[in-house]
Amino acid sequence: MRLPVPRLLLLACTLLVVVPASASAASSKKSVPFPVIKKVSPLKLRIGDTLTITGTGFRAGKGGKNTVVFKRSGKPAIFTKSTSSTSKRISVVVPAKLASFLGTKKGVAVATRFQLRVLAKRFSKSFTSTKLSPVISPKPGGSGGGGEGGGTPLTPYQICQAGLKTNPGGDSDADGLANALEPTVGLDPCNADTDGDGLIDGYEYESALDLNGRALPYPGKRPWPNPLDPTDINYDFDGDGMTLAQEYKLWKFVGGVFPVTAYSDGTQNSGGTMATTTLALQRLDLNGDGNLTDDERDADGDGLSNNVEYNYTGTEAWWESAYTNEKPYTIRAFSGVDPTQWDTDGDGVPDGADDQDNDGYDNYTEMQLARWGAHLRVQPYNPCLPDPYSPTCSRYVPFSNPWPPFDGSQAVNAAMPFAWPIDNTPVVGGWNGLGGPQGP
């Protein structure tokens, strides 16, 4: 479908903004070093002991700045947050859940070797070699915390592990994947979020299948959405403008049910196409093609498209990036909007009908339509555009680097509200060069 010239220009403007930002992000990611494990101490320890990892590329700070991954051959990986870290040293407590993954001899848990991997700003390239992989023993006084022979009582996690064999078709961790399936793809059937990235395993698994055309076997290697890769949450796999984490938040908001037929990050048309059969749907159609992709849909029903609220013309950052020659309006803070909140600021008015900068122009006009759609020089985070006489436009303007329209971009006597593209043709009764509410 041939788009009208204004829409083409709007899309071109968007691409000019997004592509350099993406390129910059890619360049920044390449400059971040991979974590490297050089020494592990002690190499023999028990569950509950503290392990020290020495190397490079770690994130410094208290608490879980880094994640240490324990992996026994043939078993799911266990992700554990560090207790303290410097850029060259990590301390981590060997987690109790490793008890269920220890090897056994005549039914009794025995010392078992675990390979290690570190997630800092990036994932270390591989698991440790044998000489850098610690041998971990069960806690004293029991068979690995299993409750046998006078040991400590079984934890909920161990109870789950014990029941897997009798319930292969069940879903013990409620992550959308059958117990029998999870170990075959390296996942933990008793942990809904194996990689600890905040997204449950089944959602990432289903998104990967969608991205791969529902082909089996499951494409379980990066760069697909991967429940074993905690670094994937900020990627936009299906190219609809929203990251994996953002689509997951929308999926949870609309019910979070399986199969994933809403807001999968493996297809731009989750659950099939959505024709713009009503005026309300047509108002959301950013490219005018008669179909609402996931980014154009409106999960919270507030009249603004999802990606408008997440990353696009509903965000202050987009306007500052798109119009770099325009100084931001800096004398007050503004509320943003949220695609999972119908009324983000709690005033009883849906976000689309609300007015973030209180200038008399609703958010739908200033955010959804933006300049090319409204044919006005709108700016949802500048109450002096498109009308410098608005009730919240400042009467007092900085002498240096003033914000529009006081930056010389609009001529005195220009018609108001200001048109887009800018038209400085003088008219009778046009702008007098001042701002703020004007008296009679």
Protein backbone atom coordinates (compact mmCIF):
# COMPACT_ATOMS: atom_id res chain seq x y z
CA MET A 1 0.00 0.00 0.00
CA ARG A 2 1.38 3.44 -0.93
CA LEU A 3 1.57 5.64 2.16
CA PRO A 4 0.71 9.36 2.08
CA VAL A 5 3.79 11.59 1.92
CA PRO A 6 3.42 12.89 5.52
CA ARG A 7 3.37 9.32 6.90
CA LEU A 8 6.40 8.39 4.80
CA LEU A 9 8.26 11.39 6.18
CA LEU A 10 7.26 10.45 9.73
CA LEU A 11 8.52 6.92 9.26
CA ALA A 12 11.72 8.19 7.68
CA CYS A 13 12.24 10.49 10.65
CA THR A 14 11.74 7.55 12.97
CA LEU A 15 14.32 5.46 11.13
CA LEU A 16 16.83 8.28 11.21
CA VAL A 17 16.44 8.38 14.98
CA VAL A 18 16.38 4.66 15.69
CA VAL A 19 19.14 3.37 13.40
CA PRO A 20 21.98 5.48 14.78
CA ALA A 21 20.84 4.68 18.34
CA SER A 22 20.88 0.97 17.52
CA ALA A 23 24.28 1.25 15.89
CA SER A 24 25.57 3.10 18.94
CA ALA A 25 24.17 0.43 21.24
CA ALA A 26 25.81 -2.31 19.17
CA SER A 27 29.13 -0.46 19.26
CA SER A 28 28.84 0.00 23.03
CA LYS A 29 28.07 -3.71 23.54
CA LYS A 30 31.18 -4.71 21.57
CA SER A 31 33.34 -2.55 23.83
CA VAL A 32 32.12 -4.33 26.99
CA PRO A 33 34.54 -7.17 27.86
CA PHE A 34 33.43 -10.74 28.42
CA PRO A 35 33.91 -11.92 32.01
CA VAL A 36 36.83 -14.33 32.32
CA ILE A 37 37.30 -16.84 35.18
CA LYS A 38 41.01 -17.30 36.05
CA LYS A 39 40.88 -18.90 39.50
CA VAL A 40 38.29 -20.65 41.68
CA SER A 41 38.80 -21.15 45.42
CA PRO A 42 38.33 -23.51 47.13
CA LEU A 43 38.05 -26.23 44.53
CA LYS A 44 36.53 -28.58 47.11
CA LEU A 45 33.66 -27.30 49.24
CA ARG A 46 30.16 -28.06 50.51
CA ILE A 47 26.71 -26.69 49.81
CA GLY A 48 26.31 -23.51 51.86
CA ASP A 49 30.02 -22.64 51.71
CA THR A 50 31.28 -19.47 50.05
CA LEU A 51 33.05 -19.79 46.71
CA THR A 52 35.48 -17.14 45.47
CA ILE A 53 36.01 -16.55 41.77
CA THR A 54 38.94 -14.43 40.55
CA GLY A 55 39.16 -13.06 37.03
CA THR A 56 38.29 -10.00 34.94
CA GLY A 57 35.24 -8.26 33.50
CA PHE A 58 33.03 -8.59 36.58
CA ARG A 59 30.61 -5.92 37.87
CA ALA A 60 31.70 -4.32 41.14
CA GLY A 61 29.28 -3.82 44.03
CA LYS A 62 27.45 -5.44 46.93
CA GLY A 63 24.69 -7.95 46.38
CA GLY A 64 23.75 -9.62 43.12
CA LYS A 65 25.72 -7.53 40.65
CA ASN A 66 26.86 -10.75 38.96
CA THR A 67 25.24 -14.12 38.40
CA VAL A 68 27.18 -17.36 38.77
CA VAL A 69 25.91 -20.36 36.80
CA PHE A 70 26.55 -23.87 38.18
CA LYS A 71 26.25 -26.70 35.64
CA ARG A 72 26.59 -30.42 36.11
CA SER A 73 26.98 -32.35 32.88
CA GLY A 74 23.61 -33.50 31.59
CA LYS A 75 21.62 -31.43 34.11
CA PRO A 76 19.93 -27.99 33.98
CA ALA A 77 22.00 -24.94 34.82
CA ILE A 78 21.47 -23.27 38.22
CA PHE A 79 21.67 -19.45 38.30
CA THR A 80 22.76 -17.83 41.59
CA LYS A 81 23.36 -14.16 42.44
CA SER A 82 26.74 -13.14 43.88
CA THR A 83 26.94 -11.89 47.48
CA SER A 84 29.70 -9.33 46.81
CA SER A 85 31.93 -8.42 43.90
CA THR A 86 34.76 -6.28 42.63
CA SER A 87 35.78 -5.99 39.00
CA LYS A 88 38.20 -8.90 39.57
CA ARG A 89 36.68 -10.95 42.40
CA ILE A 90 33.26 -12.54 43.08
CA SER A 91 31.95 -14.20 46.23
CA VAL A 92 28.94 -16.50 45.99
CA VAL A 93 27.28 -18.94 48.39
CA VAL A 94 26.85 -22.41 46.92
CA PRO A 95 23.03 -22.67 46.73
CA ALA A 96 21.00 -25.32 48.52
CA LYS A 97 19.19 -26.23 45.31
CA LEU A 98 22.40 -27.87 44.03
CA ALA A 99 21.60 -30.73 46.44
CA SER A 100 19.09 -32.08 43.93
CA PHE A 101 21.75 -32.19 41.22
CA LEU A 102 24.50 -34.00 43.10
CA GLY A 103 25.52 -37.41 41.87
CA THR A 104 24.52 -40.40 43.98
CA LYS A 105 26.08 -43.70 44.96
CA LYS A 106 23.77 -46.38 46.35
CA GLY A 107 21.14 -43.70 46.87
CA VAL A 108 23.42 -41.38 48.82
CA ALA A 109 24.51 -37.98 47.47
CA VAL A 110 28.24 -37.71 46.75
CA ALA A 111 30.71 -34.96 45.88
CA THR A 112 30.09 -33.81 42.30
CA ARG A 113 31.96 -31.53 39.91
CA PHE A 114 30.15 -28.42 38.63
CA GLN A 115 31.34 -26.19 35.81
CA LEU A 116 30.94 -22.42 36.23
CA ARG A 117 30.02 -19.47 34.09
CA VAL A 118 29.57 -15.79 35.00
CA LEU A 119 27.01 -13.26 33.80
CA ALA A 120 28.18 -9.67 34.37
CA LYS A 121 27.34 -7.08 31.72
CA ARG A 122 27.91 -9.95 29.30
CA PHE A 123 28.00 -13.74 29.58
CA SER A 124 31.41 -15.42 29.83
CA LYS A 125 32.05 -17.24 26.57
CA SER A 126 32.04 -20.77 27.98
CA PHE A 127 31.88 -22.91 31.10
CA THR A 128 35.05 -23.52 33.07
CA SER A 129 37.46 -26.31 32.23
CA THR A 130 37.80 -29.29 34.58
CA LYS A 131 40.72 -27.77 36.48
CA LEU A 132 38.67 -24.63 37.25
CA SER A 133 35.45 -26.49 38.10
CA PRO A 134 34.87 -27.06 41.83
CA VAL A 135 33.81 -30.35 43.38
CA ILE A 136 30.81 -29.75 45.65
CA SER A 137 29.73 -32.06 48.47
CA PRO A 138 26.39 -32.30 50.31
CA LYS A 139 25.87 -30.58 53.64
CA PRO A 140 27.03 -32.55 56.67
CA GLY A 141 24.40 -34.46 58.61
CA GLY A 142 22.27 -35.70 55.70
CA SER A 143 22.26 -36.94 52.15
CA GLY A 144 22.54 -33.59 50.49
CA GLY A 145 19.65 -32.08 52.41
CA GLY A 146 17.39 -34.82 51.10
CA GLY A 147 15.84 -35.67 54.42
CA GLU A 148 17.17 -39.25 54.55
CA GLY A 149 19.10 -40.69 57.46
CA GLY A 150 18.16 -37.90 59.86
CA GLY A 151 19.06 -35.11 57.45
CA THR A 152 17.32 -31.79 57.16
CA PRO A 153 13.70 -31.75 55.90
CA LEU A 154 13.06 -31.59 52.19
CA THR A 155 12.70 -28.11 50.74
CA PRO A 156 9.80 -27.30 48.39
CA TYR A 157 12.29 -27.40 45.54
CA GLN A 158 13.49 -30.90 46.51
CA ILE A 159 9.91 -32.09 46.89
CA CYS A 160 9.24 -30.84 43.37
CA GLN A 161 12.29 -32.67 42.04
CA ALA A 162 11.24 -35.89 43.75
CA GLY A 163 7.82 -35.82 42.11
CA LEU A 164 8.91 -35.21 38.51
CA LYS A 165 9.16 -38.85 37.48
CA THR A 166 5.58 -39.56 38.51
CA ASN A 167 4.19 -36.54 36.69
CA PRO A 168 6.01 -36.16 33.34
CA GLY A 169 3.05 -34.52 31.62
CA GLY A 170 2.48 -31.99 34.38
CA ASP A 171 3.90 -28.51 34.74
CA SER A 172 5.26 -28.36 38.29
CA ASP A 173 6.67 -24.83 38.03
CA ALA A 174 3.69 -23.44 36.04
CA ASP A 175 5.90 -21.99 33.31
CA GLY A 176 3.94 -23.38 30.37
CA LEU A 177 6.28 -26.32 29.67
CA ALA A 178 5.78 -29.98 30.55
CA ASN A 179 8.05 -31.51 33.18
CA ALA A 180 9.39 -34.11 30.74
CA LEU A 181 10.20 -31.49 28.09
CA GLU A 182 12.24 -29.09 30.22
CA PRO A 183 15.32 -31.28 30.89
CA THR A 184 15.58 -32.12 27.18
CA VAL A 185 16.26 -28.45 26.42
CA GLY A 186 18.40 -27.77 29.50
CA LEU A 187 15.67 -26.18 31.62
CA ASP A 188 14.76 -26.76 35.25
CA PRO A 189 11.21 -28.15 35.62
CA CYS A 190 11.11 -26.88 39.21
CA ASN A 191 12.15 -23.31 38.39
CA ALA A 192 9.77 -21.23 36.27
CA ASP A 193 12.57 -18.80 35.35
CA THR A 194 15.69 -20.92 34.85
CA ASP A 195 18.00 -18.08 33.79
CA GLY A 196 16.69 -15.59 36.36
CA ASP A 197 15.95 -12.80 33.87
CA GLY A 198 12.40 -12.15 35.10
CA LEU A 199 10.70 -13.93 32.16
CA ILE A 200 9.25 -17.39 32.68
CA ASP A 201 10.71 -20.20 30.58
CA GLY A 202 7.59 -21.01 28.57
CA TYR A 203 7.21 -17.46 27.25
CA GLU A 204 10.76 -17.36 25.90
CA TYR A 205 10.41 -20.89 24.50
CA GLU A 206 7.14 -20.02 22.71
CA SER A 207 8.56 -16.75 21.34
CA ALA A 208 11.54 -18.65 19.94
CA LEU A 209 9.21 -21.07 18.17
CA ASP A 210 7.21 -18.17 16.69
CA LEU A 211 10.40 -16.50 15.47
CA ASN A 212 11.47 -19.78 13.89
CA GLY A 213 8.17 -20.33 12.07
CA ARG A 214 6.98 -22.88 14.68
CA ALA A 215 9.68 -25.27 13.44
CA LEU A 216 10.79 -28.10 15.72
CA PRO A 217 13.06 -28.97 17.37
CA TYR A 218 13.09 -25.85 19.49
CA PRO A 219 15.86 -23.41 18.37
CA GLY A 220 17.56 -23.29 21.75
CA LYS A 221 20.71 -21.39 20.85
CA ARG A 222 21.23 -17.65 20.96
CA PRO A 223 20.39 -15.23 19.37
CA TRP A 224 16.86 -16.63 19.64
CA PRO A 225 14.68 -15.80 22.65
CA ASN A 226 16.25 -18.23 25.09
CA PRO A 227 15.23 -19.26 28.63
CA LEU A 228 18.91 -20.04 29.26
CA ASP A 229 20.19 -16.59 28.23
CA PRO A 230 19.52 -13.81 30.76
CA THR A 231 21.02 -11.20 28.40
CA ASP A 232 18.24 -11.47 25.78
CA ILE A 233 15.59 -9.34 27.48
CA ASN A 234 16.62 -6.08 25.77
CA TYR A 235 16.59 -7.46 22.21
CA ASP A 236 13.72 -6.87 19.80
CA PHE A 237 13.65 -10.21 17.99
CA ASP A 238 10.57 -9.66 15.83
CA GLY A 239 11.44 -6.05 14.90
CA ASP A 240 8.19 -4.44 16.05
CA GLY A 241 9.92 -1.76 18.12
CA MET A 242 9.40 -3.44 21.51
CA THR A 243 11.96 -5.48 23.41
CA LEU A 244 11.42 -9.02 24.64
CA ALA A 245 10.98 -7.72 28.20
CA GLN A 246 8.45 -5.10 27.09
CA GLU A 247 6.35 -7.61 25.17
CA TYR A 248 6.48 -9.99 28.14
CA LYS A 249 5.09 -7.23 30.36
CA LEU A 250 2.22 -6.72 27.88
CA TRP A 251 1.61 -10.48 27.70
CA LYS A 252 1.37 -10.68 31.49
CA PHE A 253 -0.92 -7.63 31.53
CA VAL A 254 -3.44 -9.18 29.12
CA GLY A 255 -3.59 -12.47 31.02
CA GLY A 256 -0.29 -14.30 30.53
CA VAL A 257 -1.87 -17.52 29.24
CA PHE A 258 -0.49 -20.34 27.10
CA PRO A 259 -0.26 -20.82 24.22
CA VAL A 260 1.24 -17.34 23.68
CA THR A 261 -1.24 -15.76 21.27
CA ALA A 262 -0.69 -12.19 22.46
CA TYR A 263 2.54 -10.19 22.46
CA SER A 264 5.01 -12.89 21.52
CA ASP A 265 8.43 -11.50 20.61
CA GLY A 266 8.65 -13.97 17.76
CA THR A 267 6.02 -12.40 15.48
CA GLN A 268 4.73 -8.91 14.84
CA ASN A 269 1.16 -10.24 14.53
CA SER A 270 0.67 -12.34 17.67
CA GLY A 271 -2.47 -14.42 17.39
CA GLY A 272 -2.94 -13.40 13.76
CA THR A 273 -3.62 -10.12 11.99
CA MET A 274 -5.90 -7.49 13.51
CA ALA A 275 -7.88 -5.60 10.86
CA THR A 276 -8.77 -1.97 11.60
CA THR A 277 -12.53 -2.52 11.29
CA THR A 278 -13.55 0.30 13.65
CA LEU A 279 -12.68 3.97 13.95
CA ALA A 280 -10.99 3.31 17.31
CA LEU A 281 -8.69 0.75 15.70
CA GLN A 282 -8.02 2.99 12.70
CA ARG A 283 -6.84 5.72 15.09
CA LEU A 284 -4.11 3.36 16.32
CA ASP A 285 -2.81 2.38 12.87
CA LEU A 286 0.56 4.14 12.72
CA ASN A 287 1.44 3.16 9.13
CA GLY A 288 -2.10 3.10 7.73
CA ASP A 289 -1.91 -0.42 6.30
CA GLY A 290 -5.23 -1.61 7.76
CA ASN A 291 -3.62 -4.07 10.22
CA LEU A 292 -2.49 -3.49 13.80
CA THR A 293 0.78 -5.20 14.62
CA ASP A 294 1.72 -5.75 18.27
CA ASP A 295 3.37 -2.34 18.51
CA GLU A 296 0.24 -0.58 17.21
CA ARG A 297 -2.25 -2.45 19.40
CA ASP A 298 -3.51 -0.88 22.61
CA ALA A 299 -3.22 -3.32 25.52
CA ASP A 300 -4.59 -0.96 28.17
CA GLY A 301 -7.32 0.58 25.97
CA ASP A 302 -6.29 4.18 26.62
CA GLY A 303 -6.28 5.27 22.97
CA LEU A 304 -2.49 5.19 22.48
CA SER A 305 -0.58 2.46 20.66
CA ASN A 306 1.69 0.25 22.79
CA ASN A 307 4.97 1.38 21.26
CA VAL A 308 3.92 5.03 21.28
CA GLU A 309 3.83 4.73 25.06
CA TYR A 310 6.89 2.50 25.41
CA ASN A 311 9.56 3.93 23.10
CA TYR A 312 8.14 6.23 20.47
CA THR A 313 6.35 9.59 20.30
CA GLY A 314 4.82 9.22 23.75
CA THR A 315 8.24 9.40 25.40
CA GLU A 316 10.23 12.50 26.25
CA ALA A 317 13.44 10.81 25.05
CA TRP A 318 12.05 10.32 21.53
CA TRP A 319 11.29 14.02 21.08
CA GLU A 320 14.73 15.02 22.31
CA SER A 321 16.34 12.55 19.89
CA ALA A 322 14.12 13.36 16.90
CA TYR A 323 14.50 17.14 17.17
CA THR A 324 18.03 17.63 18.45
CA ASN A 325 18.02 21.33 17.47
CA GLU A 326 15.14 22.05 19.84
CA LYS A 327 16.02 22.76 23.47
CA PRO A 328 13.83 20.81 25.91
CA TYR A 329 11.38 22.66 28.15
CA THR A 330 13.30 22.39 31.41
CA ILE A 331 11.50 24.35 34.14
CA ARG A 332 9.22 21.47 35.15
CA ALA A 333 9.11 17.69 35.13
CA PHE A 334 6.54 15.73 33.12
CA SER A 335 4.81 12.43 33.70
CA GLY A 336 5.33 9.73 31.10
CA VAL A 337 2.74 7.17 29.97
CA ASP A 338 2.65 3.39 30.40
CA PRO A 339 1.10 0.87 27.96
CA THR A 340 -0.10 -1.27 30.86
CA GLN A 341 -1.85 1.57 32.70
CA TRP A 342 -5.06 3.05 31.31
CA ASP A 343 -4.62 6.15 33.48
CA THR A 344 -0.93 6.54 34.27
CA ASP A 345 -1.22 9.67 36.40
CA GLY A 346 -4.32 8.55 38.30
CA ASP A 347 -6.58 11.53 37.49
CA GLY A 348 -9.41 9.42 36.09
CA VAL A 349 -8.73 10.38 32.47
CA PRO A 350 -7.38 7.73 30.05
CA ASP A 351 -3.89 8.52 28.80
CA GLY A 352 -4.97 9.21 25.22
CA ALA A 353 -7.51 11.83 26.27
CA ASP A 354 -5.23 13.25 28.97
CA ASP A 355 -2.84 16.17 28.50
CA GLN A 356 0.68 15.53 29.84
CA ASP A 357 1.89 19.13 29.50
CA ASN A 358 -1.48 20.75 30.35
CA ASP A 359 -1.43 22.96 27.25
CA GLY A 360 -4.94 22.21 26.00
CA TYR A 361 -3.91 19.60 23.40
CA ASP A 362 -4.63 15.98 24.34
CA ASN A 363 -2.02 13.23 24.27
CA TYR A 364 -3.62 11.52 21.30
CA THR A 365 -3.00 14.63 19.19
CA GLU A 366 0.50 15.28 20.50
CA MET A 367 1.74 11.68 20.87
CA GLN A 368 -0.21 9.35 18.60
CA LEU A 369 -0.64 11.75 15.66
CA ALA A 370 2.54 13.73 16.44
CA ARG A 371 3.54 16.52 14.07
CA TRP A 372 2.98 14.87 10.71
CA GLY A 373 -0.37 13.40 11.71
CA ALA A 374 -1.70 16.49 13.48
CA HIS A 375 -0.21 18.98 10.97
CA LEU A 376 0.62 21.09 14.00
CA ARG A 377 3.93 21.78 15.70
CA VAL A 378 2.95 19.77 18.75
CA GLN A 379 5.33 18.62 21.48
CA PRO A 380 3.80 16.68 24.40
CA TYR A 381 6.61 17.78 26.72
CA ASN A 382 6.61 21.48 25.80
CA PRO A 383 3.46 23.42 26.78
CA CYS A 384 4.47 26.32 24.50
CA LEU A 385 3.90 24.23 21.36
CA PRO A 386 1.79 24.53 19.30
CA ASP A 387 0.33 27.50 21.24
CA PRO A 388 2.64 29.82 23.20
CA TYR A 389 -0.43 31.38 24.84
CA SER A 390 -1.38 28.09 26.52
CA PRO A 391 -2.23 28.27 30.24
CA THR A 392 1.04 26.54 31.24
CA CYS A 393 3.56 28.06 28.81
CA SER A 394 6.09 30.03 30.83
CA ARG A 395 5.92 33.81 30.74
CA TYR A 396 9.61 33.91 31.60
CA VAL A 397 12.03 32.60 28.98
CA PRO A 398 15.80 32.06 29.36
CA PHE A 399 18.03 34.60 27.60
CA SER A 400 20.35 31.85 26.32
CA ASN A 401 19.30 28.65 24.56
CA PRO A 402 15.55 29.19 24.99
CA TRP A 403 13.11 26.42 24.10
CA PRO A 404 10.79 26.70 21.07
CA PRO A 405 9.08 28.80 19.91
CA PHE A 406 11.32 31.42 21.57
CA ASP A 407 14.45 30.11 19.82
CA GLY A 408 13.81 32.05 16.60
CA SER A 409 12.22 29.14 14.77
CA GLN A 410 8.79 30.82 14.75
CA ALA A 411 8.47 34.36 13.43
CA VAL A 412 6.47 37.03 15.21
CA ASN A 413 3.03 37.35 13.54
CA ALA A 414 3.02 33.63 12.57
CA ALA A 415 -0.42 32.03 12.67
CA MET A 416 -1.38 30.07 15.78
CA PRO A 417 -1.55 27.26 16.63
CA PHE A 418 1.76 26.79 14.82
CA ALA A 419 1.53 24.58 11.74
CA TRP A 420 3.81 21.72 10.75
CA PRO A 421 5.85 21.98 8.60
CA ILE A 422 6.71 25.39 10.04
CA ASP A 423 4.89 28.24 8.27
CA ASN A 424 6.11 31.71 9.19
CA THR A 425 3.83 33.57 6.83
CA PRO A 426 2.67 36.68 8.77
CA VAL A 427 -1.04 36.97 9.49
CA VAL A 428 -3.16 39.67 11.09
CA GLY A 429 -3.48 38.97 14.80
CA GLY A 430 -0.69 36.39 14.74
CA TRP A 431 1.78 35.59 17.50
CA ASN A 432 3.11 38.63 19.32
CA GLY A 433 6.33 36.90 20.38
CA LEU A 434 5.23 36.39 24.00
CA GLY A 435 4.19 33.32 25.93
CA GLY A 436 1.96 32.36 28.79
CA PRO A 437 -1.75 33.02 29.16
CA GLN A 438 -2.76 36.24 27.46
CA GLY A 439 -5.28 38.59 29.00
CA PRO A 440 -8.31 40.05 27.19
